[in-house]
N, C-alpha and C. Protein backbone atom coordinates (compact mmCIF):
# COMPACT_ATOMS: atom_id res chain seq x y z
N MET A 1 0.76 -1.45 -0.06
CA MET A 1 0.01 0.00 0.04
C MET A 1 0.85 1.28 -0.01
N ALA A 2 0.70 2.23 -0.76
CA ALA A 2 1.42 3.41 -0.86
C ALA A 2 1.29 4.29 0.28
N GLU A 3 2.25 5.09 0.70
CA GLU A 3 2.38 5.95 1.65
C GLU A 3 1.28 7.19 1.25
N THR A 4 0.34 7.50 2.27
CA THR A 4 -0.44 8.67 2.12
C THR A 4 0.38 10.06 2.38
N THR A 5 0.14 11.01 1.66
CA THR A 5 0.80 12.23 1.85
C THR A 5 -0.46 13.40 2.12
N SER A 6 -0.01 14.39 2.65
CA SER A 6 -0.96 15.42 2.86
C SER A 6 -1.49 16.11 1.37
N ASP A 7 -0.84 15.82 0.44
CA ASP A 7 -0.92 16.10 -1.03
C ASP A 7 -2.21 15.48 -1.55
N ASP A 8 -2.39 14.07 -0.82
CA ASP A 8 -3.46 13.31 -1.35
C ASP A 8 -5.07 14.10 -1.43
N GLY A 9 -5.04 14.77 -0.26
CA GLY A 9 -6.18 15.65 -0.37
C GLY A 9 -6.45 16.87 -1.00
N ARG A 10 -5.33 17.29 -1.83
CA ARG A 10 -5.21 18.40 -2.66
C ARG A 10 -6.26 18.52 -3.59
N ARG A 11 -6.60 17.79 -4.70
CA ARG A 11 -7.64 17.75 -5.50
C ARG A 11 -9.10 17.60 -4.89
N PRO A 12 -9.45 16.86 -4.17
CA PRO A 12 -10.71 16.98 -3.52
C PRO A 12 -10.97 18.24 -2.89
N ALA A 13 -9.78 18.91 -2.01
CA ALA A 13 -10.02 20.19 -1.41
C ALA A 13 -10.45 21.32 -2.33
N LEU A 14 -9.66 21.15 -3.63
CA LEU A 14 -9.92 22.08 -4.63
C LEU A 14 -11.08 22.21 -5.30
N ALA A 15 -11.83 20.86 -5.47
CA ALA A 15 -12.85 20.70 -6.08
C ALA A 15 -13.95 21.22 -5.02
N LEU A 16 -13.75 20.56 -3.80
CA LEU A 16 -14.98 21.22 -2.79
C LEU A 16 -14.75 22.82 -2.64
N ALA A 17 -13.59 23.50 -2.67
CA ALA A 17 -13.49 24.97 -2.70
C ALA A 17 -14.24 25.56 -3.88
N LEU A 18 -13.90 24.93 -5.04
CA LEU A 18 -14.32 25.67 -6.18
C LEU A 18 -16.19 25.55 -6.00
N LEU A 19 -16.75 24.49 -5.72
CA LEU A 19 -18.08 24.37 -5.55
C LEU A 19 -18.47 25.47 -4.51
N LEU A 20 -17.96 25.44 -3.34
CA LEU A 20 -18.14 26.37 -2.21
C LEU A 20 -18.29 27.87 -2.81
N PHE A 21 -17.17 28.07 -3.45
CA PHE A 21 -16.73 29.49 -4.08
C PHE A 21 -18.09 29.67 -5.05
N GLY A 22 -18.21 29.00 -5.72
CA GLY A 22 -19.36 29.32 -6.78
C GLY A 22 -20.64 29.42 -6.05
N VAL A 23 -21.00 28.61 -5.22
CA VAL A 23 -22.29 28.86 -4.50
C VAL A 23 -22.28 29.92 -3.70
N GLY A 24 -21.16 30.11 -2.96
CA GLY A 24 -21.15 31.39 -2.10
C GLY A 24 -21.42 32.81 -3.20
N VAL A 25 -20.81 32.86 -4.02
CA VAL A 25 -20.86 33.87 -5.05
C VAL A 25 -22.28 33.77 -5.51
N LEU A 26 -23.13 32.88 -5.87
CA LEU A 26 -24.58 32.98 -6.37
C LEU A 26 -25.44 33.43 -4.96
N HIS A 27 -24.79 33.42 -3.91
CA HIS A 27 -25.69 34.05 -2.70
C HIS A 27 -25.83 35.44 -3.10
N PHE A 28 -24.74 36.12 -3.57
CA PHE A 28 -24.86 37.58 -3.95
C PHE A 28 -25.48 37.92 -5.35
N VAL A 29 -25.43 37.19 -6.20
CA VAL A 29 -25.70 37.16 -7.54
C VAL A 29 -27.08 37.01 -7.74
N ALA A 30 -27.66 35.89 -7.16
CA ALA A 30 -29.08 35.73 -7.12
C ALA A 30 -29.59 35.30 -5.70
N PRO A 31 -29.61 36.15 -4.85
CA PRO A 31 -30.01 35.92 -3.34
C PRO A 31 -31.45 35.54 -3.09
N LYS A 32 -32.54 35.89 -3.91
CA LYS A 32 -33.79 35.68 -3.89
C LYS A 32 -34.13 34.15 -3.58
N PHE A 33 -33.47 33.57 -4.42
CA PHE A 33 -33.43 31.78 -4.13
C PHE A 33 -33.07 31.29 -2.71
N PHE A 34 -32.03 31.84 -2.36
CA PHE A 34 -31.48 31.56 -1.07
C PHE A 34 -32.26 32.14 0.06
N ASP A 35 -32.78 33.35 -0.14
CA ASP A 35 -33.84 34.04 0.90
C ASP A 35 -35.03 32.99 1.02
N SER A 36 -35.53 32.53 -0.12
CA SER A 36 -36.82 31.65 0.06
C SER A 36 -36.54 30.25 0.70
N ILE A 37 -35.14 29.69 1.00
CA ILE A 37 -35.19 28.62 1.58
C ILE A 37 -34.72 28.61 3.04
N VAL A 38 -34.30 29.79 3.54
CA VAL A 38 -34.07 30.39 5.03
C VAL A 38 -35.17 29.90 5.63
N PRO A 39 -35.17 28.99 6.92
CA PRO A 39 -36.09 28.65 7.60
C PRO A 39 -36.81 29.58 8.20
N ARG A 40 -37.98 29.74 7.92
CA ARG A 40 -38.83 30.79 8.58
C ARG A 40 -38.72 30.88 10.14
N ALA A 41 -38.52 29.87 10.73
CA ALA A 41 -38.32 29.82 12.31
C ALA A 41 -37.03 30.87 12.91
N LEU A 42 -36.15 31.13 11.89
CA LEU A 42 -35.07 31.96 12.36
C LEU A 42 -35.32 33.42 12.54
N PRO A 43 -35.14 33.99 13.40
CA PRO A 43 -35.26 35.63 13.70
C PRO A 43 -34.54 36.41 12.63
N GLY A 44 -35.12 37.50 12.43
CA GLY A 44 -34.60 38.32 11.67
C GLY A 44 -34.91 38.16 9.92
N LYS A 45 -34.05 38.78 9.25
CA LYS A 45 -34.44 39.04 7.76
C LYS A 45 -33.72 37.88 7.29
N ALA A 46 -34.30 37.19 6.21
CA ALA A 46 -33.82 35.86 5.40
C ALA A 46 -32.39 36.67 4.61
N ARG A 47 -32.50 37.50 3.93
CA ARG A 47 -31.42 38.19 3.12
C ARG A 47 -30.06 38.30 4.24
N ASP A 48 -30.08 38.60 5.26
CA ASP A 48 -28.96 38.56 6.37
C ASP A 48 -28.27 37.22 6.39
N TYR A 49 -29.40 36.17 6.40
CA TYR A 49 -28.70 34.82 6.65
C TYR A 49 -28.33 34.24 5.17
N THR A 50 -28.70 34.81 4.15
CA THR A 50 -28.18 34.54 2.64
C THR A 50 -26.89 35.28 2.53
N TYR A 51 -26.66 36.18 2.83
CA TYR A 51 -25.34 37.05 2.68
C TYR A 51 -24.37 36.44 3.69
N ALA A 52 -24.71 35.98 5.13
CA ALA A 52 -24.11 35.60 5.99
C ALA A 52 -23.47 34.05 5.47
N SER A 53 -24.57 33.34 5.03
CA SER A 53 -23.90 31.95 4.60
C SER A 53 -23.28 32.12 3.06
N GLY A 54 -23.40 33.25 2.33
CA GLY A 54 -22.58 33.22 1.28
C GLY A 54 -20.88 33.51 1.56
N VAL A 55 -20.94 34.58 2.54
CA VAL A 55 -19.66 34.88 2.99
C VAL A 55 -19.10 33.65 3.75
N ALA A 56 -19.59 33.00 4.54
CA ALA A 56 -19.15 31.64 5.21
C ALA A 56 -18.69 30.65 3.97
N GLU A 57 -19.40 30.62 2.91
CA GLU A 57 -18.93 29.63 1.84
C GLU A 57 -17.79 30.10 1.07
N ILE A 58 -17.68 31.33 0.83
CA ILE A 58 -16.38 31.75 0.16
C ILE A 58 -15.19 31.67 1.17
N GLY A 59 -15.56 32.07 2.51
CA GLY A 59 -14.40 31.85 3.41
C GLY A 59 -13.80 30.55 3.63
N VAL A 60 -14.84 29.41 3.70
CA VAL A 60 -14.38 28.30 3.76
C VAL A 60 -13.73 27.82 2.50
N ALA A 61 -13.96 28.25 1.21
CA ALA A 61 -13.53 27.85 -0.05
C ALA A 61 -11.97 28.26 0.06
N ALA A 62 -11.95 29.44 0.70
CA ALA A 62 -10.43 29.97 0.71
C ALA A 62 -9.61 29.25 1.65
N ALA A 63 -10.09 28.87 2.80
CA ALA A 63 -9.34 28.11 3.73
C ALA A 63 -9.10 26.58 2.97
N LEU A 64 -9.85 26.15 2.32
CA LEU A 64 -9.75 24.69 1.60
C LEU A 64 -8.64 24.89 0.53
N ALA A 65 -8.42 26.07 -0.12
CA ALA A 65 -7.56 26.43 -1.14
C ALA A 65 -6.35 26.38 -0.77
N VAL A 66 -6.20 26.86 0.36
CA VAL A 66 -4.57 27.11 0.97
C VAL A 66 -4.12 25.91 1.53
N PRO A 67 -2.94 25.30 1.22
CA PRO A 67 -2.85 24.21 1.77
C PRO A 67 -2.61 24.51 3.43
N ARG A 68 -2.07 25.39 3.98
CA ARG A 68 -1.80 25.74 5.24
C ARG A 68 -3.00 25.68 6.18
N THR A 69 -4.17 26.15 5.64
CA THR A 69 -5.40 26.03 6.28
C THR A 69 -6.29 25.01 5.70
N ARG A 70 -5.90 24.19 4.93
CA ARG A 70 -6.86 23.05 4.54
C ARG A 70 -7.47 22.32 5.46
N GLY A 71 -6.74 21.99 6.70
CA GLY A 71 -7.58 20.90 7.44
C GLY A 71 -8.49 21.85 8.36
N LEU A 72 -8.17 23.04 8.55
CA LEU A 72 -9.16 24.07 9.38
C LEU A 72 -10.44 24.00 8.22
N GLY A 73 -10.09 24.18 6.92
CA GLY A 73 -11.24 24.51 6.04
C GLY A 73 -12.02 23.21 5.81
N GLY A 74 -11.39 21.90 5.95
CA GLY A 74 -12.36 20.67 5.99
C GLY A 74 -13.13 20.55 6.87
N ARG A 75 -12.63 20.91 8.23
CA ARG A 75 -13.59 20.82 9.63
C ARG A 75 -14.74 22.05 9.48
N LEU A 76 -14.39 23.35 8.96
CA LEU A 76 -15.18 24.34 8.81
C LEU A 76 -16.36 23.74 7.62
N ALA A 77 -15.88 23.34 6.56
CA ALA A 77 -16.59 22.89 5.57
C ALA A 77 -17.89 21.90 6.19
N ALA A 78 -17.39 20.91 6.94
CA ALA A 78 -18.31 19.84 7.49
C ALA A 78 -19.25 20.87 8.42
N LEU A 79 -18.75 21.54 9.24
CA LEU A 79 -19.96 22.26 9.94
C LEU A 79 -20.73 23.01 8.96
N LEU A 80 -20.34 23.60 7.97
CA LEU A 80 -21.14 24.43 7.19
C LEU A 80 -22.07 23.58 6.64
N PHE A 81 -22.10 22.42 6.14
CA PHE A 81 -22.90 21.65 5.62
C PHE A 81 -24.03 21.24 6.60
N ILE A 82 -23.56 21.05 7.83
CA ILE A 82 -24.35 20.57 8.94
C ILE A 82 -25.19 21.93 9.29
N ALA A 83 -24.76 23.26 9.31
CA ALA A 83 -25.58 24.34 9.65
C ALA A 83 -26.54 24.71 8.51
N VAL A 84 -26.12 24.22 7.31
CA VAL A 84 -27.15 24.80 6.13
C VAL A 84 -28.23 23.70 5.67
N PHE A 85 -28.12 22.66 6.46
CA PHE A 85 -28.91 21.50 6.33
C PHE A 85 -30.52 21.92 6.51
N PRO A 86 -30.74 22.72 7.54
CA PRO A 86 -32.19 23.24 7.80
C PRO A 86 -32.67 23.88 6.52
N ALA A 87 -31.90 24.74 5.70
CA ALA A 87 -32.29 25.39 4.47
C ALA A 87 -32.73 24.36 3.70
N ASN A 88 -31.94 23.31 3.42
CA ASN A 88 -32.35 22.13 2.67
C ASN A 88 -33.46 21.60 2.81
N ILE A 89 -33.82 21.36 4.06
CA ILE A 89 -34.94 20.73 4.40
C ILE A 89 -36.08 21.60 4.20
N GLN A 90 -36.02 22.98 4.42
CA GLN A 90 -37.03 23.95 4.15
C GLN A 90 -37.41 23.98 2.58
N PHE A 91 -36.38 23.83 1.67
CA PHE A 91 -36.42 23.74 0.36
C PHE A 91 -37.39 22.63 -0.03
N ALA A 92 -36.91 21.38 0.50
CA ALA A 92 -37.55 20.18 0.21
C ALA A 92 -39.06 20.27 0.59
N VAL A 93 -39.47 20.67 1.82
CA VAL A 93 -40.93 20.93 2.28
C VAL A 93 -41.44 21.63 1.38
N ASP A 94 -41.00 22.98 1.26
CA ASP A 94 -41.68 23.92 0.28
C ASP A 94 -41.85 23.45 -1.15
N THR A 95 -40.86 22.66 -1.66
CA THR A 95 -40.98 22.24 -3.02
C THR A 95 -42.08 20.92 -3.12
N VAL A 96 -42.28 20.37 -2.13
CA VAL A 96 -43.17 19.01 -1.90
C VAL A 96 -44.62 19.69 -1.94
N LYS A 97 -44.89 20.84 -1.36
CA LYS A 97 -46.00 21.50 -1.06
C LYS A 97 -46.63 22.26 -2.29
N SER A 98 -45.63 22.49 -2.96
CA SER A 98 -45.73 23.44 -4.06
C SER A 98 -46.58 22.77 -5.11
N GLU A 99 -47.58 23.26 -5.77
CA GLU A 99 -48.47 22.80 -6.85
C GLU A 99 -47.80 23.22 -8.08
N LYS A 100 -46.81 24.02 -8.20
CA LYS A 100 -46.26 24.47 -9.42
C LYS A 100 -44.98 23.57 -9.63
N ALA A 101 -44.42 22.86 -8.63
CA ALA A 101 -43.32 22.07 -8.93
C ALA A 101 -43.61 20.77 -9.60
N SER A 102 -43.06 20.30 -10.33
CA SER A 102 -43.18 18.96 -11.14
C SER A 102 -42.83 17.75 -10.14
N GLN A 103 -43.40 16.53 -10.41
CA GLN A 103 -43.08 15.52 -9.66
C GLN A 103 -41.49 15.13 -9.58
N ALA A 104 -41.07 15.28 -10.56
CA ALA A 104 -39.41 14.89 -10.57
C ALA A 104 -38.58 16.05 -9.72
N ILE A 105 -38.96 17.40 -9.66
CA ILE A 105 -38.38 18.07 -9.04
C ILE A 105 -38.66 18.09 -7.53
N LYS A 106 -39.82 17.52 -7.13
CA LYS A 106 -40.23 17.19 -5.78
C LYS A 106 -39.40 15.93 -5.17
N VAL A 107 -39.34 14.97 -5.92
CA VAL A 107 -38.50 13.78 -5.56
C VAL A 107 -36.95 14.10 -5.70
N GLY A 108 -36.42 15.03 -6.43
CA GLY A 108 -35.26 15.25 -6.35
C GLY A 108 -34.81 16.17 -5.16
N SER A 109 -36.12 17.10 -4.84
CA SER A 109 -35.63 17.94 -3.67
C SER A 109 -35.38 17.21 -2.34
N VAL A 110 -36.12 15.95 -2.35
CA VAL A 110 -36.13 15.25 -1.09
C VAL A 110 -34.94 14.07 -1.23
N ALA A 111 -34.61 13.58 -2.43
CA ALA A 111 -33.81 12.68 -2.52
C ALA A 111 -32.25 13.30 -2.26
N ARG A 112 -32.09 14.58 -2.65
CA ARG A 112 -30.69 15.23 -2.48
C ARG A 112 -30.50 15.30 -0.92
N LEU A 113 -31.35 15.25 -0.06
CA LEU A 113 -31.17 15.28 1.49
C LEU A 113 -29.92 14.54 1.93
N PRO A 114 -30.24 13.18 1.65
CA PRO A 114 -29.14 12.22 2.18
C PRO A 114 -27.52 12.49 1.56
N LEU A 115 -27.58 13.35 0.59
CA LEU A 115 -26.41 13.53 0.04
C LEU A 115 -25.50 14.63 0.87
N GLN A 116 -26.03 15.11 1.59
CA GLN A 116 -25.36 16.03 2.86
C GLN A 116 -24.35 14.94 3.43
N ILE A 117 -24.75 13.84 3.56
CA ILE A 117 -23.65 13.09 4.52
C ILE A 117 -22.45 12.85 3.70
N PRO A 118 -22.45 12.38 2.40
CA PRO A 118 -21.18 12.33 1.78
C PRO A 118 -20.21 13.46 1.82
N MET A 119 -20.95 14.81 1.67
CA MET A 119 -20.41 16.16 1.64
C MET A 119 -19.84 16.22 2.85
N ILE A 120 -20.38 15.99 4.13
CA ILE A 120 -19.72 16.13 5.21
C ILE A 120 -18.58 15.03 5.36
N THR A 121 -18.80 13.94 5.07
CA THR A 121 -17.52 12.79 5.29
C THR A 121 -16.45 13.30 4.45
N GLN A 122 -16.56 13.73 3.29
CA GLN A 122 -15.70 14.45 2.26
C GLN A 122 -14.78 15.38 2.81
N ALA A 123 -15.58 16.14 3.41
CA ALA A 123 -14.93 17.51 4.06
C ALA A 123 -14.02 17.07 5.37
N LEU A 124 -14.56 16.30 6.14
CA LEU A 124 -13.91 15.48 7.24
C LEU A 124 -12.55 14.71 6.79
N LYS A 125 -12.67 14.18 5.64
CA LYS A 125 -11.50 13.14 4.87
C LYS A 125 -10.36 14.39 4.63
N ILE A 126 -10.91 15.34 4.00
CA ILE A 126 -10.03 16.35 3.44
C ILE A 126 -9.31 17.14 4.62
N ALA A 127 -9.82 17.21 5.79
CA ALA A 127 -9.22 17.62 7.30
C ALA A 127 -8.39 16.62 7.48
N ARG A 128 -8.63 15.38 7.88
CA ARG A 128 -7.75 14.25 8.30
C ARG A 128 -6.54 14.29 7.23
N LEU A 129 -6.54 14.31 5.88
CA LEU A 129 -5.39 14.15 4.82
C LEU A 129 -4.75 15.51 5.14
N ALA A 130 -5.16 16.55 5.47
CA ALA A 130 -4.45 17.82 5.59
C ALA A 130 -3.55 17.64 6.95
N ARG A 131 -3.55 16.85 7.91
CA ARG A 131 -2.90 16.85 9.08
C ARG A 131 -1.79 15.88 8.89
N ARG A 132 -1.65 14.91 7.73
CA ARG A 132 -0.71 14.24 7.44
C ARG A 132 0.52 14.97 7.01
């Protein structure tokens, strides 16, 4: 078995960084969608949460992209995926209740919820590899 080095996590870290950066930018370019999935039980304005999560995603992307902070970035990414999970649930609930949404969109919005688990485990793997 080949020895594992900290560089083993470079490619997945950069891929995750690119994904988070892109989604983070979308929070500012097209905030209405993100506003709509902020759980209504949260106090304050949805737009504040939209912008805060966009900043968090861009910040975590930067941490993942830099080798020195990659371990921290992986741990922060895992926490971020957990933190935004209620918004994903809100999106699924709203989509399932919507008369305008197609059956495929309804099924997709629910089916994607378990995909948070591999996202979290991948982020944690990146963090572990960065410590080697």
